[in-house]
Amino acid sequence: MKIVDAHIHLWNLDENYYPWLSDGDRPSVVSDYSSLRRNYLVTDFLNDAASLEVVAAVHIQAEHDPRDHLRETRWLQGVADSPTSRGIPQAIVANADLAATDAEALLDAHCAFANVRGIRQALHRRLDAVPPYDPLLDPSFRKNFYLLSKYRLSFDLQFFPHQGVAVEALVRAHPGVQFILTHAGMPLWRDAERLGLWRNSMIQLARYPNVATKISGFGMYDRTWDAKSIEPVVALAIEHFSPARCMLASNFPVEGINKAYVDVWRIYSEYFATWSAAERQALFCDNALRYYRISLDRAQTT
């Protein structure tokens, strides 16, 4: 089975600055990430994936220094262009503050790099700031969001359950933007109220044809996840988005806190073992190629 990993991270703490890793200066959706405070380079990823047929990977911005979003993209393109990287990452989802006065200039600069495909601005990231900040309520963010369509960039959609109504309004207002839900909408909490909000958001967002979802991120709330425990999340995603709008991802190296890379894909293979070859091909490979506009002519097998 060929694999396109729809969500990975790389970082070099010697060359770049990631406040959450370098300083440990803020809360994270990952409860104990001390083991991540080390370089995770493309060579590490290739070693982790060595026994699998990973033909391409999508890099999602890793919360690099917010004072210089472009530096991470420049570094990643250099990694992808290196003969030793085997083309990884074939797609880059960069970071930007869409409420900033220079948002368009930054998007234009990101797009100068061949592998840039989209933007992820985590919408929950500053909800606990003093004072709290929600970009969905910021007129500048809403005004500038059309720029994604102008520059043909997708938007990786990451938010907390109580933001769901505002997220749906954003999606409804921008039918020309491809939205991709991070980690199946991140059902991080176990209480009935927030799980209900998560479920409702998934169902509502699935009504919009310009929204797809990744199936991933289970280790953020279940350290011992397996093919049985992921059933409620995967079943909901597949039911409402269909296999045509779902894709699989590892979330490595974050998922590596709990699982080896090969075990992530072994669990997915076990869960989808009885599915048709066409459905498996779509979930493991083809959907990510389509949504992130990756050509396998440029991708290389690890």
C-alpha atoms as a PDB file:
ATOM      1  CA  MET A   1       0.000   0.000   0.000  1.00  0.00           C
ATOM      2  CA  LYS A   2       1.436   3.346  -1.056  1.00  0.00           C
ATOM      3  CA  ILE A   3       1.147   5.998   1.665  1.00  0.00           C
ATOM      4  CA  VAL A   4       0.949   9.766   1.459  1.00  0.00           C
ATOM      5  CA  ASP A   5       1.301  10.987   5.034  1.00  0.00           C
ATOM      6  CA  ALA A   6      -1.009  13.999   5.201  1.00  0.00           C
ATOM      7  CA  HIS A   7       0.373  15.502   8.421  1.00  0.00           C
ATOM      8  CA  ILE A   8       3.976  15.516   9.624  1.00  0.00           C
ATOM      9  CA  HIS A   9       6.315  17.995  11.297  1.00  0.00           C
ATOM     10  CA  LEU A  10      10.044  18.529  10.985  1.00  0.00           C
ATOM     11  CA  TRP A  11      12.178  20.862  13.057  1.00  0.00           C
ATOM     12  CA  ASN A  12      15.775  21.801  13.549  1.00  0.00           C
ATOM     13  CA  LEU A  13      16.214  23.486  16.921  1.00  0.00           C
ATOM     14  CA  ASP A  14      19.790  24.391  16.048  1.00  0.00           C
ATOM     15  CA  GLU A  15      18.794  26.436  12.991  1.00  0.00           C
ATOM     16  CA  ASN A  16      15.290  27.693  13.793  1.00  0.00           C
ATOM     17  CA  TYR A  17      13.316  28.968  16.774  1.00  0.00           C
ATOM     18  CA  TYR A  18      10.130  27.271  17.945  1.00  0.00           C
ATOM     19  CA  PRO A  19       8.998  28.915  21.212  1.00  0.00           C
ATOM     20  CA  TRP A  20       6.955  25.936  22.400  1.00  0.00           C
ATOM     21  CA  LEU A  21       9.924  23.599  21.941  1.00  0.00           C
ATOM     22  CA  SER A  22      12.836  25.921  22.626  1.00  0.00           C
ATOM     23  CA  ASP A  23      11.327  27.665  25.657  1.00  0.00           C
ATOM     24  CA  GLY A  24       8.390  25.529  26.738  1.00  0.00           C
ATOM     25  CA  ASP A  25       6.681  28.838  27.362  1.00  0.00           C
ATOM     26  CA  ARG A  26       3.040  28.035  26.726  1.00  0.00           C
ATOM     27  CA  PRO A  27       0.362  25.353  27.151  1.00  0.00           C
ATOM     28  CA  SER A  28      -0.099  22.823  24.370  1.00  0.00           C
ATOM     29  CA  VAL A  29      -2.770  20.376  23.245  1.00  0.00           C
ATOM     30  CA  VAL A  30      -0.019  17.781  23.831  1.00  0.00           C
ATOM     31  CA  SER A  31       0.099  17.089  27.571  1.00  0.00           C
ATOM     32  CA  ASP A  32       3.751  16.002  27.925  1.00  0.00           C
ATOM     33  CA  TYR A  33       5.951  16.947  25.015  1.00  0.00           C
ATOM     34  CA  SER A  34       9.340  17.102  26.734  1.00  0.00           C
ATOM     35  CA  SER A  35      10.576  14.225  24.559  1.00  0.00           C
ATOM     36  CA  LEU A  36       9.957  16.373  21.469  1.00  0.00           C
ATOM     37  CA  ARG A  37      12.546  18.964  22.472  1.00  0.00           C
ATOM     38  CA  ARG A  38      15.123  17.580  20.075  1.00  0.00           C
ATOM     39  CA  ASN A  39      15.777  17.874  16.375  1.00  0.00           C
ATOM     40  CA  TYR A  40      13.435  15.894  14.142  1.00  0.00           C
ATOM     41  CA  LEU A  41      14.952  16.053  10.693  1.00  0.00           C
ATOM     42  CA  VAL A  42      13.964  14.503   7.397  1.00  0.00           C
ATOM     43  CA  THR A  43      16.564  11.797   8.007  1.00  0.00           C
ATOM     44  CA  ASP A  44      14.741  10.888  11.230  1.00  0.00           C
ATOM     45  CA  PHE A  45      11.449  10.712   9.372  1.00  0.00           C
ATOM     46  CA  LEU A  46      12.960   8.555   6.631  1.00  0.00           C
ATOM     47  CA  ASN A  47      14.345   6.200   9.253  1.00  0.00           C
ATOM     48  CA  ASP A  48      10.963   5.967  10.995  1.00  0.00           C
ATOM     49  CA  ALA A  49       9.232   5.242   7.676  1.00  0.00           C
ATOM     50  CA  ALA A  50      11.906   2.951   6.256  1.00  0.00           C
ATOM     51  CA  SER A  51       9.803  -0.220   6.278  1.00  0.00           C
ATOM     52  CA  LEU A  52       6.774   1.406   4.631  1.00  0.00           C
ATOM     53  CA  GLU A  53       6.083   2.650   1.109  1.00  0.00           C
ATOM     54  CA  VAL A  54       5.685   6.338   1.926  1.00  0.00           C
ATOM     55  CA  VAL A  55       5.684   8.112  -1.423  1.00  0.00           C
ATOM     56  CA  ALA A  56       5.049  11.656  -0.191  1.00  0.00           C
ATOM     57  CA  ALA A  57       4.399  13.702   2.941  1.00  0.00           C
ATOM     58  CA  VAL A  58       2.664  16.954   3.819  1.00  0.00           C
ATOM     59  CA  HIS A  59       4.451  19.219   6.284  1.00  0.00           C
ATOM     60  CA  ILE A  60       2.204  21.253   8.578  1.00  0.00           C
ATOM     61  CA  GLN A  61       3.717  24.353  10.117  1.00  0.00           C
ATOM     62  CA  ALA A  62       5.282  23.604  13.495  1.00  0.00           C
ATOM     63  CA  GLU A  63       4.572  26.898  15.309  1.00  0.00           C
ATOM     64  CA  HIS A  64       7.865  28.455  14.306  1.00  0.00           C
ATOM     65  CA  ASP A  65       8.846  31.917  15.547  1.00  0.00           C
ATOM     66  CA  PRO A  66       5.767  34.086  14.848  1.00  0.00           C
ATOM     67  CA  ARG A  67       8.049  37.046  14.114  1.00  0.00           C
ATOM     68  CA  ASP A  68       9.317  35.290  10.971  1.00  0.00           C
ATOM     69  CA  HIS A  69       6.844  32.841   9.458  1.00  0.00           C
ATOM     70  CA  LEU A  70       8.753  32.772   6.187  1.00  0.00           C
ATOM     71  CA  ARG A  71      11.933  31.352   7.711  1.00  0.00           C
ATOM     72  CA  GLU A  72      10.318  27.942   8.328  1.00  0.00           C
ATOM     73  CA  THR A  73       9.025  27.757   4.760  1.00  0.00           C
ATOM     74  CA  ARG A  74      12.416  28.690   3.324  1.00  0.00           C
ATOM     75  CA  TRP A  75      14.095  26.011   5.445  1.00  0.00           C
ATOM     76  CA  LEU A  76      11.529  23.340   4.482  1.00  0.00           C
ATOM     77  CA  GLN A  77      11.848  24.063   0.775  1.00  0.00           C
ATOM     78  CA  GLY A  78      15.595  23.650   1.150  1.00  0.00           C
ATOM     79  CA  VAL A  79      15.000  20.306   2.856  1.00  0.00           C
ATOM     80  CA  ALA A  80      12.666  19.164   0.067  1.00  0.00           C
ATOM     81  CA  ASP A  81      15.118  20.232  -2.625  1.00  0.00           C
ATOM     82  CA  SER A  82      18.013  18.319  -1.071  1.00  0.00           C
ATOM     83  CA  PRO A  83      18.865  15.043  -2.871  1.00  0.00           C
ATOM     84  CA  THR A  84      18.959  13.249   0.485  1.00  0.00           C
ATOM     85  CA  SER A  85      15.346  14.095   1.381  1.00  0.00           C
ATOM     86  CA  ARG A  86      13.755  12.060  -1.435  1.00  0.00           C
ATOM     87  CA  GLY A  87      11.516  15.055  -2.107  1.00  0.00           C
ATOM     88  CA  ILE A  88       9.984  15.245   1.393  1.00  0.00           C
ATOM     89  CA  PRO A  89       8.023  17.329   2.153  1.00  0.00           C
ATOM     90  CA  GLN A  90       6.283  17.442  -1.217  1.00  0.00           C
ATOM     91  CA  ALA A  91       3.666  19.817   0.209  1.00  0.00           C
ATOM     92  CA  ILE A  92       4.147  22.598   2.760  1.00  0.00           C
ATOM     93  CA  VAL A  93       1.317  24.101   4.799  1.00  0.00           C
ATOM     94  CA  ALA A  94       2.805  27.327   6.117  1.00  0.00           C
ATOM     95  CA  ASN A  95       1.877  29.658   8.960  1.00  0.00           C
ATOM     96  CA  ALA A  96       0.485  33.173   8.660  1.00  0.00           C
ATOM     97  CA  ASP A  97      -1.453  35.654  10.736  1.00  0.00           C
ATOM     98  CA  LEU A  98      -4.283  36.513   8.392  1.00  0.00           C
ATOM     99  CA  ALA A  99      -5.265  39.462  10.569  1.00  0.00           C
ATOM    100  CA  ALA A 100      -1.880  41.139  10.107  1.00  0.00           C
ATOM    101  CA  THR A 101      -1.520  44.251   7.969  1.00  0.00           C
ATOM    102  CA  ASP A 102       1.146  42.496   5.885  1.00  0.00           C
ATOM    103  CA  ALA A 103      -0.855  39.272   5.414  1.00  0.00           C
ATOM    104  CA  GLU A 104      -0.964  39.518   1.629  1.00  0.00           C
ATOM    105  CA  ALA A 105       2.748  40.219   1.330  1.00  0.00           C
ATOM    106  CA  LEU A 106       3.478  37.167   3.480  1.00  0.00           C
ATOM    107  CA  LEU A 107       1.220  34.888   1.433  1.00  0.00           C
ATOM    108  CA  ASP A 108       2.849  36.149  -1.730  1.00  0.00           C
ATOM    109  CA  ALA A 109       6.283  35.404  -0.260  1.00  0.00           C
ATOM    110  CA  HIS A 110       5.221  31.907   0.856  1.00  0.00           C
ATOM    111  CA  CYS A 111       3.942  31.151  -2.645  1.00  0.00           C
ATOM    112  CA  ALA A 112       7.362  31.896  -4.122  1.00  0.00           C
ATOM    113  CA  PHE A 113       8.378  28.463  -2.779  1.00  0.00           C
ATOM    114  CA  ALA A 114       7.372  25.618  -5.073  1.00  0.00           C
ATOM    115  CA  ASN A 115       5.986  23.222  -2.466  1.00  0.00           C
ATOM    116  CA  VAL A 116       3.687  25.612  -0.579  1.00  0.00           C
ATOM    117  CA  ARG A 117       0.079  24.465  -0.809  1.00  0.00           C
ATOM    118  CA  GLY A 118      -1.783  25.993   2.107  1.00  0.00           C
ATOM    119  CA  ILE A 119      -1.897  27.811   5.434  1.00  0.00           C
ATOM    120  CA  ARG A 120      -2.618  26.667   8.959  1.00  0.00           C
ATOM    121  CA  GLN A 121      -3.385  29.376  11.486  1.00  0.00           C
ATOM    122  CA  ALA A 122      -4.471  27.491  14.592  1.00  0.00           C
ATOM    123  CA  LEU A 123      -7.687  29.283  15.557  1.00  0.00           C
ATOM    124  CA  HIS A 124      -7.547  28.207  19.204  1.00  0.00           C
ATOM    125  CA  ARG A 125      -3.926  29.144  19.807  1.00  0.00           C
ATOM    126  CA  ARG A 126      -4.477  32.403  21.703  1.00  0.00           C
ATOM    127  CA  LEU A 127      -7.799  31.720  23.379  1.00  0.00           C
ATOM    128  CA  ASP A 128      -6.017  31.546  26.746  1.00  0.00           C
ATOM    129  CA  ALA A 129      -3.995  34.733  26.184  1.00  0.00           C
ATOM    130  CA  VAL A 130      -4.508  37.813  28.342  1.00  0.00           C
ATOM    131  CA  PRO A 131      -6.716  39.236  27.000  1.00  0.00           C
ATOM    132  CA  PRO A 132      -8.117  36.251  25.061  1.00  0.00           C
ATOM    133  CA  TYR A 133      -7.922  36.453  21.284  1.00  0.00           C
ATOM    134  CA  ASP A 134     -10.061  34.574  18.773  1.00  0.00           C
ATOM    135  CA  PRO A 135      -9.212  35.365  15.137  1.00  0.00           C
ATOM    136  CA  LEU A 136     -12.705  34.313  14.103  1.00  0.00           C
ATOM    137  CA  LEU A 137     -13.986  37.421  15.901  1.00  0.00           C
ATOM    138  CA  ASP A 138     -11.371  39.717  14.388  1.00  0.00           C
ATOM    139  CA  PRO A 139     -12.703  41.816  11.468  1.00  0.00           C
ATOM    140  CA  SER A 140      -9.203  41.968   9.954  1.00  0.00           C
ATOM    141  CA  PHE A 141      -8.935  38.178   9.865  1.00  0.00           C
ATOM    142  CA  ARG A 142     -12.359  37.848   8.236  1.00  0.00           C
ATOM    143  CA  LYS A 143     -11.575  40.626   5.763  1.00  0.00           C
ATOM    144  CA  ASN A 144      -8.262  39.091   4.681  1.00  0.00           C
ATOM    145  CA  PHE A 145      -9.411  35.488   4.468  1.00  0.00           C
ATOM    146  CA  TYR A 146     -10.341  35.860   0.788  1.00  0.00           C
ATOM    147  CA  LEU A 147      -6.605  36.086   0.080  1.00  0.00           C
ATOM    148  CA  LEU A 148      -6.381  32.297   0.365  1.00  0.00           C
ATOM    149  CA  SER A 149      -8.595  31.945  -2.673  1.00  0.00           C
ATOM    150  CA  LYS A 150      -6.631  34.604  -4.514  1.00  0.00           C
ATOM    151  CA  TYR A 151      -3.382  32.696  -3.964  1.00  0.00           C
ATOM    152  CA  ARG A 152      -4.943  29.222  -4.426  1.00  0.00           C
ATOM    153  CA  LEU A 153      -4.068  28.160  -0.901  1.00  0.00           C
ATOM    154  CA  SER A 154      -5.964  25.634   1.199  1.00  0.00           C
ATOM    155  CA  PHE A 155      -6.624  26.192   4.901  1.00  0.00           C
ATOM    156  CA  ASP A 156      -5.898  23.542   7.509  1.00  0.00           C
ATOM    157  CA  LEU A 157      -8.720  24.073   9.979  1.00  0.00           C
ATOM    158  CA  GLN A 158      -7.798  23.653  13.649  1.00  0.00           C
ATOM    159  CA  PHE A 159     -10.162  24.916  16.350  1.00  0.00           C
ATOM    160  CA  PHE A 160     -11.773  24.097  19.688  1.00  0.00           C
ATOM    161  CA  PRO A 161     -15.376  22.814  19.940  1.00  0.00           C
ATOM    162  CA  HIS A 162     -16.982  26.026  21.182  1.00  0.00           C
ATOM    163  CA  GLN A 163     -15.696  27.845  18.072  1.00  0.00           C
ATOM    164  CA  GLY A 164     -17.700  25.557  15.804  1.00  0.00           C
ATOM    165  CA  VAL A 165     -20.508  27.968  14.899  1.00  0.00           C
ATOM    166  CA  ALA A 166     -18.055  30.709  13.877  1.00  0.00           C
ATOM    167  CA  VAL A 167     -15.976  28.162  11.930  1.00  0.00           C
ATOM    168  CA  GLU A 168     -19.021  27.065   9.981  1.00  0.00           C
ATOM    169  CA  ALA A 169     -19.781  30.702   9.143  1.00  0.00           C
ATOM    170  CA  LEU A 170     -16.215  31.103   7.850  1.00  0.00           C
ATOM    171  CA  VAL A 171     -16.533  28.023   5.649  1.00  0.00           C
ATOM    172  CA  ARG A 172     -19.918  29.122   4.349  1.00  0.00           C
ATOM    173  CA  ALA A 173     -18.510  32.545   3.425  1.00  0.00           C
ATOM    174  CA  HIS A 174     -15.604  31.092   1.422  1.00  0.00           C
ATOM    175  CA  PRO A 175     -16.799  28.333  -0.916  1.00  0.00           C
ATOM    176  CA  GLY A 176     -13.725  28.848  -3.089  1.00  0.00           C
ATOM    177  CA  VAL A 177     -11.276  27.846  -0.337  1.00  0.00           C
ATOM    178  CA  GLN A 178     -10.436  24.206   0.318  1.00  0.00           C
ATOM    179  CA  PHE A 179     -10.674  23.570   4.078  1.00  0.00           C
ATOM    180  CA  ILE A 180      -9.016  20.512   5.630  1.00  0.00           C
ATOM    181  CA  LEU A 181      -9.924  19.574   9.189  1.00  0.00           C
ATOM    182  CA  THR A 182      -6.946  18.801  11.388  1.00  0.00           C
ATOM    183  CA  HIS A 183      -7.106  15.467  13.229  1.00  0.00           C
ATOM    184  CA  ALA A 184     -10.826  14.832  12.605  1.00  0.00           C
ATOM    185  CA  GLY A 185     -11.779  18.049  14.334  1.00  0.00           C
ATOM    186  CA  MET A 186      -9.704  17.227  17.444  1.00  0.00           C
ATOM    187  CA  PRO A 187     -12.131  15.525  19.878  1.00  0.00           C
ATOM    188  CA  LEU A 188      -9.650  16.056  22.708  1.00  0.00           C
ATOM    189  CA  TRP A 189     -12.097  16.080  25.607  1.00  0.00           C
ATOM    190  CA  ARG A 190     -14.086  13.236  27.146  1.00  0.00           C
ATOM    191  CA  ASP A 191     -16.970  15.194  28.666  1.00  0.00           C
ATOM    192  CA  ALA A 192     -20.354  14.899  26.990  1.00  0.00           C
ATOM    193  CA  GLU A 193     -20.805  18.618  26.343  1.00  0.00           C
ATOM    194  CA  ARG A 194     -17.622  19.135  24.353  1.00  0.00           C
ATOM    195  CA  LEU A 195     -17.879  15.800  22.595  1.00  0.00           C
ATOM    196  CA  GLY A 196     -21.364  16.864  21.551  1.00  0.00           C
ATOM    197  CA  LEU A 197     -20.028  20.151  20.175  1.00  0.00           C
ATOM    198  CA  TRP A 198     -17.296  18.270  18.308  1.00  0.00           C
ATOM    199  CA  ARG A 199     -19.780  15.813  16.820  1.00  0.00           C
ATOM    200  CA  ASN A 200     -22.109  18.615  15.746  1.00  0.00           C
ATOM    201  CA  SER A 201     -19.256  20.522  14.093  1.00  0.00           C
ATOM    202  CA  MET A 202     -18.171  17.435  12.168  1.00  0.00           C
ATOM    203  CA  ILE A 203     -21.701  16.807  10.924  1.00  0.00           C
ATOM    204  CA  GLN A 204     -22.326  20.441   9.994  1.00  0.00           C
ATOM    205  CA  LEU A 205     -18.976  20.981   8.270  1.00  0.00           C
ATOM    206  CA  ALA A 206     -19.373  17.782   6.255  1.00  0.00           C
ATOM    207  CA  ARG A 207     -22.331  19.441   4.525  1.00  0.00           C
ATOM    208  CA  TYR A 208     -19.915  21.741   2.698  1.00  0.00           C
ATOM    209  CA  PRO A 209     -18.207  20.148  -0.318  1.00  0.00           C
ATOM    210  CA  ASN A 210     -15.096  22.291   0.175  1.00  0.00           C
ATOM    211  CA  VAL A 211     -14.289  20.651   3.541  1.00  0.00           C
ATOM    212  CA  ALA A 212     -12.248  17.457   3.914  1.00  0.00           C
ATOM    213  CA  THR A 213     -10.836  15.860   7.052  1.00  0.00           C
ATOM    214  CA  LYS A 214      -7.725  14.067   8.208  1.00  0.00           C
ATOM    215  CA  ILE A 215      -8.063  10.952  10.333  1.00  0.00           C
ATOM    216  CA  SER A 216      -5.194  11.272  12.789  1.00  0.00           C
ATOM    217  CA  GLY A 217      -4.081  12.725  16.130  1.00  0.00           C
ATOM    218  CA  PHE A 218      -5.473   9.991  18.375  1.00  0.00           C
ATOM    219  CA  GLY A 219      -2.519   9.963  20.735  1.00  0.00           C
ATOM    220  CA  MET A 220      -3.291  13.500  21.910  1.00  0.00           C
ATOM    221  CA  TYR A 221      -6.184  12.130  23.972  1.00  0.00           C
ATOM    222  CA  ASP A 222      -5.666   8.337  24.038  1.00  0.00           C
ATOM    223  CA  ARG A 223      -2.135   7.092  24.634  1.00  0.00           C
ATOM    224  CA  THR A 224      -3.073   3.446  24.035  1.00  0.00           C
ATOM    225  CA  TRP A 225      -5.279   3.918  20.967  1.00  0.00           C
ATOM    226  CA  ASP A 226      -5.841   1.000  18.662  1.00  0.00           C
ATOM    227  CA  ALA A 227      -8.090  -0.129  15.813  1.00  0.00           C
ATOM    228  CA  LYS A 228     -10.979  -0.703  18.205  1.00  0.00           C
ATOM    229  CA  SER A 229     -10.761   2.495  20.249  1.00  0.00           C
ATOM    230  CA  ILE A 230     -10.696   4.793  17.208  1.00  0.00           C
ATOM    231  CA  GLU A 231     -13.982   3.384  15.881  1.00  0.00           C
ATOM    232  CA  PRO A 232     -16.290   6.207  17.093  1.00  0.00           C
ATOM    233  CA  VAL A 233     -14.153   8.954  15.546  1.00  0.00           C
ATOM    234  CA  VAL A 234     -13.334   7.164  12.299  1.00  0.00           C
ATOM    235  CA  ALA A 235     -16.899   5.948  11.793  1.00  0.00           C
ATOM    236  CA  LEU A 236     -18.302   9.461  12.234  1.00  0.00           C
ATOM    237  CA  ALA A 237     -15.742  10.954   9.839  1.00  0.00           C
ATOM    238  CA  ILE A 238     -16.343   8.327   7.166  1.00  0.00           C
ATOM    239  CA  GLU A 239     -20.117   8.420   7.541  1.00  0.00           C
ATOM    240  CA  HIS A 240     -20.407  12.150   6.998  1.00  0.00           C
ATOM    241  CA  PHE A 241     -17.415  12.988   4.800  1.00  0.00           C
ATOM    242  CA  SER A 242     -17.311   9.666   2.887  1.00  0.00           C
ATOM    243  CA  PRO A 243     -14.037   7.942   1.966  1.00  0.00           C
ATOM    244  CA  ALA A 244     -13.579  10.480  -0.840  1.00  0.00           C
ATOM    245  CA  ARG A 245     -13.057  13.385   1.605  1.00  0.00           C
ATOM    246  CA  CYS A 246     -10.945  11.661   4.270  1.00  0.00           C
ATOM    247  CA  MET A 247      -7.214  11.062   4.392  1.00  0.00           C
ATOM    248  CA  LEU A 248      -4.882   9.353   6.849  1.00  0.00           C
ATOM    249  CA  ALA A 249      -1.923  10.919   8.632  1.00  0.00           C
ATOM    250  CA  SER A 250       0.630  10.097  11.301  1.00  0.00           C
ATOM    251  CA  ASN A 251       1.069  13.441  13.106  1.00  0.00           C
ATOM    252  CA  PHE A 252       4.705  12.450  13.566  1.00  0.00           C
ATOM    253  CA  PRO A 253       6.818  13.055  15.565  1.00  0.00           C
ATOM    254  CA  VAL A 254       4.096  14.205  18.005  1.00  0.00           C
ATOM    255  CA  GLU A 255       2.391  10.815  17.784  1.00  0.00           C
ATOM    256  CA  GLY A 256       5.791   9.292  18.421  1.00  0.00           C
ATOM    257  CA  ILE A 257       5.394  10.100  22.106  1.00  0.00           C
ATOM    258  CA  ASN A 258       3.123   7.044  22.275  1.00  0.00           C
ATOM    259  CA  LYS A 259       3.537   5.021  19.093  1.00  0.00           C
ATOM    260  CA  ALA A 260       6.221   3.964  16.649  1.00  0.00           C
ATOM    261  CA  TYR A 261       5.627   5.240  13.113  1.00  0.00           C
ATOM    262  CA  VAL A 262       5.060   1.772  11.732  1.00  0.00           C
ATOM    263  CA  ASP A 263       2.483   1.059  14.450  1.00  0.00           C
ATOM    264  CA  VAL A 264       0.365   4.059  13.414  1.00  0.00           C
ATOM    265  CA  TRP A 265       0.039   2.673   9.908  1.00  0.00           C
ATOM    266  CA  ARG A 266      -0.359  -0.900  11.134  1.00  0.00           C
ATOM    267  CA  ILE A 267      -3.410   0.218  13.134  1.00  0.00           C
ATOM    268  CA  TYR A 268      -4.870   2.006  10.120  1.00  0.00           C
ATOM    269  CA  SER A 269      -4.249  -1.084   7.995  1.00  0.00           C
ATOM    270  CA  GLU A 270      -5.997  -3.246  10.572  1.00  0.00           C
ATOM    271  CA  TYR A 271      -8.994  -0.914  10.788  1.00  0.00           C
ATOM    272  CA  PHE A 272      -9.462  -0.713   7.016  1.00  0.00           C
ATOM    273  CA  ALA A 273      -8.440  -4.310   6.273  1.00  0.00           C
ATOM    274  CA  THR A 274     -11.863  -5.322   4.920  1.00  0.00           C
ATOM    275  CA  TRP A 275     -12.412  -2.201   2.816  1.00  0.00           C
ATOM    276  CA  SER A 276     -12.128  -2.324  -0.951  1.00  0.00           C
ATOM    277  CA  ALA A 277      -8.783  -1.741  -2.638  1.00  0.00           C
ATOM    278  CA  ALA A 278     -10.114   1.480  -4.191  1.00  0.00           C
ATOM    279  CA  GLU A 279     -11.248   2.868  -0.831  1.00  0.00           C
ATOM    280  CA  ARG A 280      -7.942   1.997   0.808  1.00  0.00           C
ATOM    281  CA  GLN A 281      -6.040   3.579  -2.063  1.00  0.00           C
ATOM    282  CA  ALA A 282      -8.064   6.770  -1.634  1.00  0.00           C
ATOM    283  CA  LEU A 283      -7.627   6.966   2.145  1.00  0.00           C
ATOM    284  CA  PHE A 284      -3.956   6.007   2.310  1.00  0.00           C
ATOM    285  CA  CYS A 285      -2.738   7.860  -0.762  1.00  0.00           C
ATOM    286  CA  ASP A 286      -4.882   9.401  -3.476  1.00  0.00           C
ATOM    287  CA  ASN A 287      -7.006  11.840  -1.469  1.00  0.00           C
ATOM    288  CA  ALA A 288      -3.972  13.525   0.060  1.00  0.00           C
ATOM    289  CA  LEU A 289      -2.375  13.766  -3.378  1.00  0.00           C
ATOM    290  CA  ARG A 290      -5.488  15.488  -4.677  1.00  0.00           C
ATOM    291  CA  TYR A 291      -6.172  17.861  -1.802  1.00  0.00           C
ATOM    292  CA  TYR A 292      -2.565  18.962  -1.440  1.00  0.00           C
ATOM    293  CA  ARG A 293      -1.928  18.981  -5.218  1.00  0.00           C
ATOM    294  CA  ILE A 294       1.045  16.627  -5.120  1.00  0.00           C
ATOM    295  CA  SER A 295       2.350  15.053  -8.300  1.00  0.00           C
ATOM    296  CA  LEU A 296       3.936  11.653  -7.825  1.00  0.00           C
ATOM    297  CA  ASP A 297       6.206  12.489 -10.752  1.00  0.00           C
ATOM    298  CA  ARG A 298       8.112  14.551  -8.185  1.00  0.00           C
ATOM    299  CA  ALA A 299       7.487  12.370  -5.151  1.00  0.00           C
ATOM    300  CA  GLN A 300       9.883   9.550  -4.389  1.00  0.00           C
ATOM    301  CA  THR A 301       9.401   6.334  -2.482  1.00  0.00           C
ATOM    302  CA  THR A 302      11.170   6.100   0.883  1.00  0.00           C
END
